[in-house]
């Protein structure tokens, strides 16, 4: 398995640095637009919560992106964290053996 060595950027950081700051939008303003609590949005921006599929739909609508953009950012971040947090998964043996091709 090929794993990214550099920790991916959390979608909350992207949201803050690439959207909120350049557009001059506050967390409070965006939470109203998204119909979510300021607390929920603050947790995402401060990397203490994940972007859910529902939130990805809201963000994509607000910023004219696609939901997959936000979901993929979160997925990459979560997978990197799982791979690097614990090495227990590496001790699991594969149940599937590669096929051996015979010459015809």
PDB file of N, CA and C in Angstrom:
ATOM      1  N   UNK A   1       0.845  -1.179   0.000  1.00  0.00           N
ATOM      2  CA  UNK A   1       0.000   0.000   0.000  1.00  0.00           C
ATOM      3  C   UNK A   1       0.888   1.240   0.000  1.00  0.00           C
ATOM      4  N   UNK A   2       0.652   2.119  -0.946  1.00  0.00           N
ATOM      5  CA  UNK A   2       1.414   3.355  -1.033  1.00  0.00           C
ATOM      6  C   UNK A   2       0.702   4.423  -0.205  1.00  0.00           C
ATOM      7  N   UNK A   3       1.418   5.006   0.736  1.00  0.00           N
ATOM      8  CA  UNK A   3       0.831   5.977   1.641  1.00  0.00           C
ATOM      9  C   UNK A   3       1.554   7.310   1.511  1.00  0.00           C
ATOM     10  N   UNK A   4       0.781   8.353   1.507  1.00  0.00           N
ATOM     11  CA  UNK A   4       1.322   9.703   1.443  1.00  0.00           C
ATOM     12  C   UNK A   4       2.159   9.978   2.694  1.00  0.00           C
ATOM     13  N   UNK A   5       3.367  10.483   2.525  1.00  0.00           N
ATOM     14  CA  UNK A   5       4.236  10.746   3.665  1.00  0.00           C
ATOM     15  C   UNK A   5       3.860  12.025   4.399  1.00  0.00           C
ATOM     16  N   UNK A   6       3.427  13.020   3.648  1.00  0.00           N
ATOM     17  CA  UNK A   6       3.047  14.301   4.253  1.00  0.00           C
ATOM     18  C   UNK A   6       1.596  14.242   4.695  1.00  0.00           C
ATOM     19  N   UNK A   7       1.336  14.746   5.880  1.00  0.00           N
ATOM     20  CA  UNK A   7      -0.032  14.775   6.388  1.00  0.00           C
ATOM     21  C   UNK A   7      -0.883  15.669   5.488  1.00  0.00           C
ATOM     22  N   UNK A   8      -2.006  15.144   4.984  1.00  0.00           N
ATOM     23  CA  UNK A   8      -2.892  15.968   4.152  1.00  0.00           C
ATOM     24  C   UNK A   8      -3.480  17.131   4.958  1.00  0.00           C
ATOM     25  N   UNK A   9      -3.824  18.168   4.273  1.00  0.00           N
ATOM     26  CA  UNK A   9      -4.433  19.326   4.909  1.00  0.00           C
ATOM     27  C   UNK A   9      -5.873  19.000   5.281  1.00  0.00           C
ATOM     28  N   UNK A  10      -6.241  19.342   6.496  1.00  0.00           N
ATOM     29  CA  UNK A  10      -7.624  19.131   6.953  1.00  0.00           C
ATOM     30  C   UNK A  10      -8.535  20.062   6.159  1.00  0.00           C
ATOM     31  N   UNK A  11      -9.732  19.593   5.778  1.00  0.00           N
ATOM     32  CA  UNK A  11     -10.638  20.447   5.016  1.00  0.00           C
ATOM     33  C   UNK A  11     -11.020  21.738   5.749  1.00  0.00           C
ATOM     34  N   UNK A  12     -10.978  21.726   7.060  1.00  0.00           N
ATOM     35  CA  UNK A  12     -11.259  22.947   7.825  1.00  0.00           C
ATOM     36  C   UNK A  12     -10.239  24.039   7.562  1.00  0.00           C
ATOM     37  N   UNK A  13      -8.980  23.645   7.420  1.00  0.00           N
ATOM     38  CA  UNK A  13      -7.926  24.615   7.112  1.00  0.00           C
ATOM     39  C   UNK A  13      -8.111  25.182   5.713  1.00  0.00           C
ATOM     40  N   UNK A  14      -8.478  24.326   4.772  1.00  0.00           N
ATOM     41  CA  UNK A  14      -8.749  24.777   3.397  1.00  0.00           C
ATOM     42  C   UNK A  14      -9.925  25.752   3.401  1.00  0.00           C
ATOM     43  N   UNK A  15     -10.962  25.389   4.130  1.00  0.00           N
ATOM     44  CA  UNK A  15     -12.144  26.243   4.227  1.00  0.00           C
ATOM     45  C   UNK A  15     -11.773  27.621   4.763  1.00  0.00           C
ATOM     46  N   UNK A  16     -10.972  27.639   5.792  1.00  0.00           N
ATOM     47  CA  UNK A  16     -10.563  28.901   6.417  1.00  0.00           C
ATOM     48  C   UNK A  16      -9.651  29.723   5.517  1.00  0.00           C
ATOM     49  N   UNK A  17      -8.568  29.101   5.042  1.00  0.00           N
ATOM     50  CA  UNK A  17      -7.527  29.840   4.323  1.00  0.00           C
ATOM     51  C   UNK A  17      -7.857  30.135   2.862  1.00  0.00           C
ATOM     52  N   UNK A  18      -8.623  29.261   2.219  1.00  0.00           N
ATOM     53  CA  UNK A  18      -8.899  29.430   0.787  1.00  0.00           C
ATOM     54  C   UNK A  18     -10.278  30.017   0.491  1.00  0.00           C
ATOM     55  N   UNK A  19     -11.146  30.029   1.495  1.00  0.00           N
ATOM     56  CA  UNK A  19     -12.505  30.523   1.253  1.00  0.00           C
ATOM     57  C   UNK A  19     -12.897  31.660   2.201  1.00  0.00           C
ATOM     58  N   UNK A  20     -12.896  31.386   3.499  1.00  0.00           N
ATOM     59  CA  UNK A  20     -13.368  32.405   4.436  1.00  0.00           C
ATOM     60  C   UNK A  20     -12.499  33.659   4.443  1.00  0.00           C
ATOM     61  N   UNK A  21     -11.202  33.482   4.636  1.00  0.00           N
ATOM     62  CA  UNK A  21     -10.306  34.651   4.723  1.00  0.00           C
ATOM     63  C   UNK A  21     -10.288  35.477   3.438  1.00  0.00           C
ATOM     64  N   UNK A  22     -10.081  34.858   2.263  1.00  0.00           N
ATOM     65  CA  UNK A  22     -10.067  35.677   1.039  1.00  0.00           C
ATOM     66  C   UNK A  22     -11.391  36.385   0.753  1.00  0.00           C
ATOM     67  N   UNK A  23     -12.505  35.757   1.123  1.00  0.00           N
ATOM     68  CA  UNK A  23     -13.817  36.350   0.860  1.00  0.00           C
ATOM     69  C   UNK A  23     -14.290  37.262   1.992  1.00  0.00           C
ATOM     70  N   UNK A  24     -13.534  37.300   3.085  1.00  0.00           N
ATOM     71  CA  UNK A  24     -13.907  38.148   4.216  1.00  0.00           C
ATOM     72  C   UNK A  24     -15.187  37.689   4.908  1.00  0.00           C
ATOM     73  N   UNK A  25     -15.406  36.383   4.934  1.00  0.00           N
ATOM     74  CA  UNK A  25     -16.606  35.817   5.557  1.00  0.00           C
ATOM     75  C   UNK A  25     -16.243  35.299   6.946  1.00  0.00           C
ATOM     76  N   UNK A  26     -17.095  35.571   7.925  1.00  0.00           N
ATOM     77  CA  UNK A  26     -16.875  35.076   9.284  1.00  0.00           C
ATOM     78  C   UNK A  26     -17.534  33.703   9.446  1.00  0.00           C
ATOM     79  N   UNK A  27     -17.123  33.022  10.497  1.00  0.00           N
ATOM     80  CA  UNK A  27     -17.728  31.724  10.809  1.00  0.00           C
ATOM     81  C   UNK A  27     -19.220  31.903  11.069  1.00  0.00           C
ATOM     82  N   UNK A  28     -19.570  32.952  11.771  1.00  0.00           N
ATOM     83  CA  UNK A  28     -20.977  33.235  12.075  1.00  0.00           C
ATOM     84  C   UNK A  28     -21.780  33.445  10.800  1.00  0.00           C
ATOM     85  N   UNK A  29     -21.239  34.228   9.876  1.00  0.00           N
ATOM     86  CA  UNK A  29     -21.937  34.484   8.608  1.00  0.00           C
ATOM     87  C   UNK A  29     -22.125  33.193   7.819  1.00  0.00           C
ATOM     88  N   UNK A  30     -21.062  32.398   7.731  1.00  0.00           N
ATOM     89  CA  UNK A  30     -21.156  31.154   6.971  1.00  0.00           C
ATOM     90  C   UNK A  30     -22.109  30.170   7.640  1.00  0.00           C
ATOM     91  N   UNK A  31     -22.102  30.108   8.956  1.00  0.00           N
ATOM     92  CA  UNK A  31     -23.008  29.182   9.644  1.00  0.00           C
ATOM     93  C   UNK A  31     -24.468  29.522   9.343  1.00  0.00           C
ATOM     94  N   UNK A  32     -24.770  30.803   9.213  1.00  0.00           N
ATOM     95  CA  UNK A  32     -26.135  31.219   8.861  1.00  0.00           C
ATOM     96  C   UNK A  32     -26.486  30.800   7.432  1.00  0.00           C
ATOM     97  N   UNK A  33     -25.560  30.998   6.525  1.00  0.00           N
ATOM     98  CA  UNK A  33     -25.780  30.617   5.124  1.00  0.00           C
ATOM     99  C   UNK A  33     -25.992  29.103   5.004  1.00  0.00           C
ATOM    100  N   UNK A  34     -25.206  28.338   5.763  1.00  0.00           N
ATOM    101  CA  UNK A  34     -25.268  26.884   5.680  1.00  0.00           C
ATOM    102  C   UNK A  34     -26.421  26.288   6.495  1.00  0.00           C
ATOM    103  N   UNK A  35     -26.987  27.093   7.378  1.00  0.00           N
ATOM    104  CA  UNK A  35     -28.050  26.577   8.236  1.00  0.00           C
ATOM    105  C   UNK A  35     -27.534  25.603   9.269  1.00  0.00           C
ATOM    106  N   UNK A  36     -26.348  25.882   9.769  1.00  0.00           N
ATOM    107  CA  UNK A  36     -25.731  25.032  10.786  1.00  0.00           C
ATOM    108  C   UNK A  36     -25.282  25.900  11.954  1.00  0.00           C
ATOM    109  N   UNK A  37     -24.949  25.288  13.048  1.00  0.00           N
ATOM    110  CA  UNK A  37     -24.537  26.078  14.206  1.00  0.00           C
ATOM    111  C   UNK A  37     -23.114  26.599  14.026  1.00  0.00           C
ATOM    112  N   UNK A  38     -22.850  27.716  14.649  1.00  0.00           N
ATOM    113  CA  UNK A  38     -21.514  28.300  14.624  1.00  0.00           C
ATOM    114  C   UNK A  38     -20.521  27.334  15.264  1.00  0.00           C
ATOM    115  N   UNK A  39     -20.977  26.648  16.312  1.00  0.00           N
ATOM    116  CA  UNK A  39     -20.131  25.699  17.044  1.00  0.00           C
ATOM    117  C   UNK A  39     -19.688  24.550  16.138  1.00  0.00           C
ATOM    118  N   UNK A  40     -20.620  24.008  15.367  1.00  0.00           N
ATOM    119  CA  UNK A  40     -20.298  22.915  14.439  1.00  0.00           C
ATOM    120  C   UNK A  40     -19.271  23.364  13.412  1.00  0.00           C
ATOM    121  N   UNK A  41     -19.498  24.510  12.826  1.00  0.00           N
ATOM    122  CA  UNK A  41     -18.586  25.039  11.814  1.00  0.00           C
ATOM    123  C   UNK A  41     -17.218  25.361  12.417  1.00  0.00           C
ATOM    124  N   UNK A  42     -17.212  25.915  13.603  1.00  0.00           N
ATOM    125  CA  UNK A  42     -15.959  26.229  14.284  1.00  0.00           C
ATOM    126  C   UNK A  42     -15.141  24.965  14.540  1.00  0.00           C
ATOM    127  N   UNK A  43     -15.804  23.890  14.912  1.00  0.00           N
ATOM    128  CA  UNK A  43     -15.095  22.622  15.143  1.00  0.00           C
ATOM    129  C   UNK A  43     -14.423  22.131  13.875  1.00  0.00           C
ATOM    130  N   UNK A  44     -15.102  22.253  12.747  1.00  0.00           N
ATOM    131  CA  UNK A  44     -14.509  21.834  11.471  1.00  0.00           C
ATOM    132  C   UNK A  44     -13.308  22.711  11.147  1.00  0.00           C
ATOM    133  N   UNK A  45     -13.476  24.008  11.248  1.00  0.00           N
ATOM    134  CA  UNK A  45     -12.404  24.941  10.908  1.00  0.00           C
ATOM    135  C   UNK A  45     -11.190  24.772  11.817  1.00  0.00           C
ATOM    136  N   UNK A  46     -11.445  24.419  13.068  1.00  0.00           N
ATOM    137  CA  UNK A  46     -10.342  24.219  14.021  1.00  0.00           C
ATOM    138  C   UNK A  46      -9.880  22.768  14.085  1.00  0.00           C
ATOM    139  N   UNK A  47     -10.278  21.982  13.090  1.00  0.00           N
ATOM    140  CA  UNK A  47      -9.826  20.602  12.908  1.00  0.00           C
ATOM    141  C   UNK A  47     -10.184  19.682  14.070  1.00  0.00           C
ATOM    142  N   UNK A  48     -11.302  19.946  14.716  1.00  0.00           N
ATOM    143  CA  UNK A  48     -11.771  19.090  15.803  1.00  0.00           C
ATOM    144  C   UNK A  48     -13.000  18.285  15.383  1.00  0.00           C
ATOM    145  N   UNK A  49     -13.451  18.473  14.142  1.00  0.00           N
ATOM    146  CA  UNK A  49     -14.588  17.722  13.603  1.00  0.00           C
ATOM    147  C   UNK A  49     -14.363  17.492  12.110  1.00  0.00           C
ATOM    148  N   UNK A  50     -15.074  16.512  11.603  1.00  0.00           N
ATOM    149  CA  UNK A  50     -14.956  16.135  10.192  1.00  0.00           C
ATOM    150  C   UNK A  50     -16.048  16.770   9.350  1.00  0.00           C
ATOM    151  N   UNK A  51     -15.755  16.874   8.066  1.00  0.00           N
ATOM    152  CA  UNK A  51     -16.763  17.292   7.095  1.00  0.00           C
ATOM    153  C   UNK A  51     -17.595  16.056   6.766  1.00  0.00           C
ATOM    154  N   UNK A  52     -18.864  16.107   7.080  1.00  0.00           N
ATOM    155  CA  UNK A  52     -19.781  14.998   6.806  1.00  0.00           C
ATOM    156  C   UNK A  52     -20.288  15.094   5.371  1.00  0.00           C
ATOM    157  N   UNK A  53     -20.901  14.030   4.863  1.00  0.00           N
ATOM    158  CA  UNK A  53     -21.493  14.128   3.524  1.00  0.00           C
ATOM    159  C   UNK A  53     -22.509  15.268   3.418  1.00  0.00           C
ATOM    160  N   UNK A  54     -23.329  15.451   4.438  1.00  0.00           N
ATOM    161  CA  UNK A  54     -24.312  16.541   4.413  1.00  0.00           C
ATOM    162  C   UNK A  54     -23.615  17.905   4.373  1.00  0.00           C
ATOM    163  N   UNK A  55     -22.569  18.058   5.176  1.00  0.00           N
ATOM    164  CA  UNK A  55     -21.837  19.332   5.179  1.00  0.00           C
ATOM    165  C   UNK A  55     -21.141  19.545   3.833  1.00  0.00           C
ATOM    166  N   UNK A  56     -20.657  18.474   3.215  1.00  0.00           N
ATOM    167  CA  UNK A  56     -20.007  18.623   1.904  1.00  0.00           C
ATOM    168  C   UNK A  56     -21.000  19.144   0.867  1.00  0.00           C
ATOM    169  N   UNK A  57     -22.258  18.721   0.973  1.00  0.00           N
ATOM    170  CA  UNK A  57     -23.287  19.232   0.061  1.00  0.00           C
ATOM    171  C   UNK A  57     -23.512  20.723   0.290  1.00  0.00           C
ATOM    172  N   UNK A  58     -23.575  21.123   1.552  1.00  0.00           N
ATOM    173  CA  UNK A  58     -23.795  22.530   1.878  1.00  0.00           C
ATOM    174  C   UNK A  58     -22.619  23.397   1.433  1.00  0.00           C
ATOM    175  N   UNK A  59     -21.403  22.937   1.710  1.00  0.00           N
ATOM    176  CA  UNK A  59     -20.213  23.705   1.316  1.00  0.00           C
ATOM    177  C   UNK A  59     -20.103  23.812  -0.205  1.00  0.00           C
ATOM    178  N   UNK A  60     -20.422  22.726  -0.890  1.00  0.00           N
ATOM    179  CA  UNK A  60     -20.322  22.755  -2.357  1.00  0.00           C
ATOM    180  C   UNK A  60     -21.317  23.744  -2.950  1.00  0.00           C
ATOM    181  N   UNK A  61     -22.484  23.838  -2.355  1.00  0.00           N
ATOM    182  CA  UNK A  61     -23.492  24.785  -2.830  1.00  0.00           C
ATOM    183  C   UNK A  61     -23.058  26.222  -2.543  1.00  0.00           C
ATOM    184  N   UNK A  62     -22.543  26.454  -1.331  1.00  0.00           N
ATOM    185  CA  UNK A  62     -22.144  27.802  -0.921  1.00  0.00           C
ATOM    186  C   UNK A  62     -20.948  28.332  -1.717  1.00  0.00           C
ATOM    187  N   UNK A  63     -20.016  27.440  -2.064  1.00  0.00           N
ATOM    188  CA  UNK A  63     -18.781  27.891  -2.710  1.00  0.00           C
ATOM    189  C   UNK A  63     -18.635  27.420  -4.152  1.00  0.00           C
ATOM    190  N   UNK A  64     -19.724  26.930  -4.736  1.00  0.00           N
ATOM    191  CA  UNK A  64     -19.735  26.503  -6.138  1.00  0.00           C
ATOM    192  C   UNK A  64     -18.618  25.500  -6.435  1.00  0.00           C
ATOM    193  N   UNK A  65     -18.535  24.490  -5.575  1.00  0.00           N
ATOM    194  CA  UNK A  65     -17.601  23.381  -5.790  1.00  0.00           C
ATOM    195  C   UNK A  65     -18.458  22.125  -5.937  1.00  0.00           C
ATOM    196  N   UNK A  66     -17.824  20.983  -5.913  1.00  0.00           N
ATOM    197  CA  UNK A  66     -18.575  19.730  -5.929  1.00  0.00           C
ATOM    198  C   UNK A  66     -18.435  19.068  -4.559  1.00  0.00           C
ATOM    199  N   UNK A  67     -19.428  18.313  -4.120  1.00  0.00           N
ATOM    200  CA  UNK A  67     -19.354  17.672  -2.802  1.00  0.00           C
ATOM    201  C   UNK A  67     -18.141  16.754  -2.665  1.00  0.00           C
ATOM    202  N   UNK A  68     -17.774  16.113  -3.762  1.00  0.00           N
ATOM    203  CA  UNK A  68     -16.630  15.193  -3.733  1.00  0.00           C
ATOM    204  C   UNK A  68     -15.335  15.892  -3.332  1.00  0.00           C
ATOM    205  N   UNK A  69     -15.210  17.167  -3.660  1.00  0.00           N
ATOM    206  CA  UNK A  69     -14.020  17.932  -3.265  1.00  0.00           C
ATOM    207  C   UNK A  69     -13.843  17.883  -1.751  1.00  0.00           C
ATOM    208  N   UNK A  70     -14.907  18.208  -1.017  1.00  0.00           N
ATOM    209  CA  UNK A  70     -14.847  18.258   0.442  1.00  0.00           C
ATOM    210  C   UNK A  70     -14.736  16.866   1.045  1.00  0.00           C
ATOM    211  N   UNK A  71     -15.480  15.913   0.492  1.00  0.00           N
ATOM    212  CA  UNK A  71     -15.440  14.530   0.989  1.00  0.00           C
ATOM    213  C   UNK A  71     -14.061  13.921   0.775  1.00  0.00           C
ATOM    214  N   UNK A  72     -13.467  14.161  -0.387  1.00  0.00           N
ATOM    215  CA  UNK A  72     -12.137  13.605  -0.669  1.00  0.00           C
ATOM    216  C   UNK A  72     -11.070  14.221   0.222  1.00  0.00           C
ATOM    217  N   UNK A  73     -11.175  15.517   0.492  1.00  0.00           N
ATOM    218  CA  UNK A  73     -10.239  16.134   1.434  1.00  0.00           C
ATOM    219  C   UNK A  73     -10.322  15.440   2.790  1.00  0.00           C
ATOM    220  N   UNK A  74     -11.561  15.223   3.259  1.00  0.00           N
ATOM    221  CA  UNK A  74     -11.756  14.588   4.562  1.00  0.00           C
ATOM    222  C   UNK A  74     -11.297  13.135   4.548  1.00  0.00           C
ATOM    223  N   UNK A  75     -11.630  12.423   3.479  1.00  0.00           N
ATOM    224  CA  UNK A  75     -11.229  11.016   3.368  1.00  0.00           C
ATOM    225  C   UNK A  75      -9.713  10.856   3.393  1.00  0.00           C
ATOM    226  N   UNK A  76      -9.013  11.683   2.622  1.00  0.00           N
ATOM    227  CA  UNK A  76      -7.553  11.614   2.587  1.00  0.00           C
ATOM    228  C   UNK A  76      -6.957  11.906   3.949  1.00  0.00           C
ATOM    229  N   UNK A  77      -7.504  12.898   4.632  1.00  0.00           N
ATOM    230  CA  UNK A  77      -7.028  13.260   5.970  1.00  0.00           C
ATOM    231  C   UNK A  77      -7.279  12.104   6.947  1.00  0.00           C
ATOM    232  N   UNK A  78      -8.502  11.568   6.940  1.00  0.00           N
ATOM    233  CA  UNK A  78      -8.857  10.485   7.863  1.00  0.00           C
ATOM    234  C   UNK A  78      -8.016   9.238   7.635  1.00  0.00           C
ATOM    235  N   UNK A  79      -7.811   8.873   6.374  1.00  0.00           N
ATOM    236  CA  UNK A  79      -7.025   7.686   6.073  1.00  0.00           C
ATOM    237  C   UNK A  79      -5.581   7.861   6.511  1.00  0.00           C
ATOM    238  N   UNK A  80      -4.997   9.022   6.248  1.00  0.00           N
ATOM    239  CA  UNK A  80      -3.619   9.278   6.670  1.00  0.00           C
ATOM    240  C   UNK A  80      -3.506   9.172   8.192  1.00  0.00           C
ATOM    241  N   UNK A  81      -4.481   9.738   8.894  1.00  0.00           N
ATOM    242  CA  UNK A  81      -4.465   9.693  10.357  1.00  0.00           C
ATOM    243  C   UNK A  81      -4.561   8.243  10.838  1.00  0.00           C
ATOM    244  N   UNK A  82      -5.424   7.435  10.221  1.00  0.00           N
ATOM    245  CA  UNK A  82      -5.581   6.037  10.622  1.00  0.00           C
ATOM    246  C   UNK A  82      -4.303   5.242  10.374  1.00  0.00           C
ATOM    247  N   UNK A  83      -3.686   5.461   9.237  1.00  0.00           N
ATOM    248  CA  UNK A  83      -2.453   4.747   8.898  1.00  0.00           C
ATOM    249  C   UNK A  83      -1.337   5.111   9.874  1.00  0.00           C
ATOM    250  N   UNK A  84      -1.263   6.354  10.254  1.00  0.00           N
ATOM    251  CA  UNK A  84      -0.151   6.817  11.083  1.00  0.00           C
ATOM    252  C   UNK A  84      -0.421   6.784  12.584  1.00  0.00           C
ATOM    253  N   UNK A  85      -1.662   6.626  12.973  1.00  0.00           N
ATOM    254  CA  UNK A  85      -2.012   6.606  14.399  1.00  0.00           C
ATOM    255  C   UNK A  85      -1.663   5.266  15.039  1.00  0.00           C
ATOM    256  N   UNK A  86      -1.951   4.204  14.344  1.00  0.00           N
ATOM    257  CA  UNK A  86      -1.722   2.868  14.878  1.00  0.00           C
ATOM    258  C   UNK A  86      -1.145   1.982  13.785  1.00  0.00           C
ATOM    259  N   UNK A  87      -0.270   1.105  14.168  1.00  0.00           N
ATOM    260  CA  UNK A  87       0.315   0.164  13.206  1.00  0.00           C
ATOM    261  C   UNK A  87      -0.292  -1.224  13.361  1.00  0.00           C
ATOM    262  N   UNK A  88      -1.316  -1.348  14.203  1.00  0.00           N
ATOM    263  CA  UNK A  88      -1.955  -2.639  14.444  1.00  0.00           C
ATOM    264  C   UNK A  88      -2.490  -3.258  13.157  1.00  0.00           C
ATOM    265  N   UNK A  89      -3.016  -2.440  12.260  1.00  0.00           N
ATOM    266  CA  UNK A  89      -3.575  -2.936  11.006  1.00  0.00           C
ATOM    267  C   UNK A  89      -2.537  -3.666  10.166  1.00  0.00           C
ATOM    268  N   UNK A  90      -1.237  -3.347  10.357  1.00  0.00           N
ATOM    269  CA  UNK A  90      -0.183  -3.979   9.557  1.00  0.00           C
ATOM    270  C   UNK A  90       0.034  -5.446   9.937  1.00  0.00           C
ATOM    271  N   UNK A  91      -0.434  -5.853  11.110  1.00  0.00           N
ATOM    272  CA  UNK A  91      -0.234  -7.229  11.565  1.00  0.00           C
ATOM    273  C   UNK A  91      -1.269  -8.193  10.986  1.00  0.00           C
ATOM    274  N   UNK A  92      -2.256  -7.690  10.276  1.00  0.00           N
ATOM    275  CA  UNK A  92      -3.311  -8.538   9.721  1.00  0.00           C
ATOM    276  C   UNK A  92      -2.810  -9.220   8.448  1.00  0.00           C
ATOM    277  N   UNK A  93      -3.039 -10.512   8.372  1.00  0.00           N
ATOM    278  CA  UNK A  93      -2.633 -11.288   7.199  1.00  0.00           C
ATOM    279  C   UNK A  93      -3.734 -11.254   6.154  1.00  0.00           C
ATOM    280  N   UNK A  94      -3.320 -11.268   4.913  1.00  0.00           N
ATOM    281  CA  UNK A  94      -4.276 -11.284   3.814  1.00  0.00           C
ATOM    282  C   UNK A  94      -4.940 -12.649   3.715  1.00  0.00           C
ATOM    283  N   UNK A  95      -6.230 -12.649   3.485  1.00  0.00           N
ATOM    284  CA  UNK A  95      -6.972 -13.890   3.288  1.00  0.00           C
ATOM    285  C   UNK A  95      -7.004 -14.297   1.821  1.00  0.00           C
ATOM    286  N   UNK A  96      -6.580 -13.403   0.959  1.00  0.00           N
ATOM    287  CA  UNK A  96      -6.617 -13.636  -0.483  1.00  0.00           C
ATOM    288  C   UNK A  96      -5.206 -13.859  -0.984  1.00  0.00           C
ATOM    289  N   UNK A  97      -5.026 -14.916  -1.703  1.00  0.00           N
ATOM    290  CA  UNK A  97      -3.700 -15.239  -2.276  1.00  0.00           C
ATOM    291  C   UNK A  97      -3.707 -14.836  -3.754  1.00  0.00           C
ATOM    292  N   UNK A  98      -2.600 -14.303  -4.239  1.00  0.00           N
ATOM    293  CA  UNK A  98      -2.531 -13.901  -5.653  1.00  0.00           C
ATOM    294  C   UNK A  98      -2.687 -15.130  -6.560  1.00  0.00           C
ATOM    295  N   UNK A  99      -3.333 -14.914  -7.688  1.00  0.00           N
ATOM    296  CA  UNK A  99      -3.491 -15.993  -8.666  1.00  0.00           C
ATOM    297  C   UNK A  99      -2.165 -16.271  -9.352  1.00  0.00           C
ATOM    298  N   UNK A 100      -1.894 -17.541  -9.606  1.00  0.00           N
ATOM    299  CA  UNK A 100      -0.684 -17.927 -10.350  1.00  0.00           C
ATOM    300  C   UNK A 100      -1.116 -18.265 -11.775  1.00  0.00           C
ATOM    301  N   UNK A 101      -0.506 -17.583 -12.706  1.00  0.00           N
ATOM    302  CA  UNK A 101      -0.861 -17.802 -14.112  1.00  0.00           C
ATOM    303  C   UNK A 101      -0.016 -18.952 -14.668  1.00  0.00           C
ATOM    304  N   UNK A 102      -0.658 -19.822 -15.394  1.00  0.00           N
ATOM    305  CA  UNK A 102       0.030 -20.938 -16.037  1.00  0.00           C
ATOM    306  C   UNK A 102       0.243 -20.612 -17.514  1.00  0.00           C
ATOM    307  N   UNK A 103       1.352 -21.058 -18.038  1.00  0.00           N
ATOM    308  CA  UNK A 103       1.608 -20.887 -19.466  1.00  0.00           C
ATOM    309  C   UNK A 103       0.665 -21.790 -20.238  1.00  0.00           C
ATOM    310  N   UNK A 104       0.041 -21.253 -21.262  1.00  0.00           N
ATOM    311  CA  UNK A 104      -0.910 -22.041 -22.047  1.00  0.00           C
ATOM    312  C   UNK A 104      -0.234 -22.820 -23.121  1.00  0.00           C
TER     313      UNK A 104
END
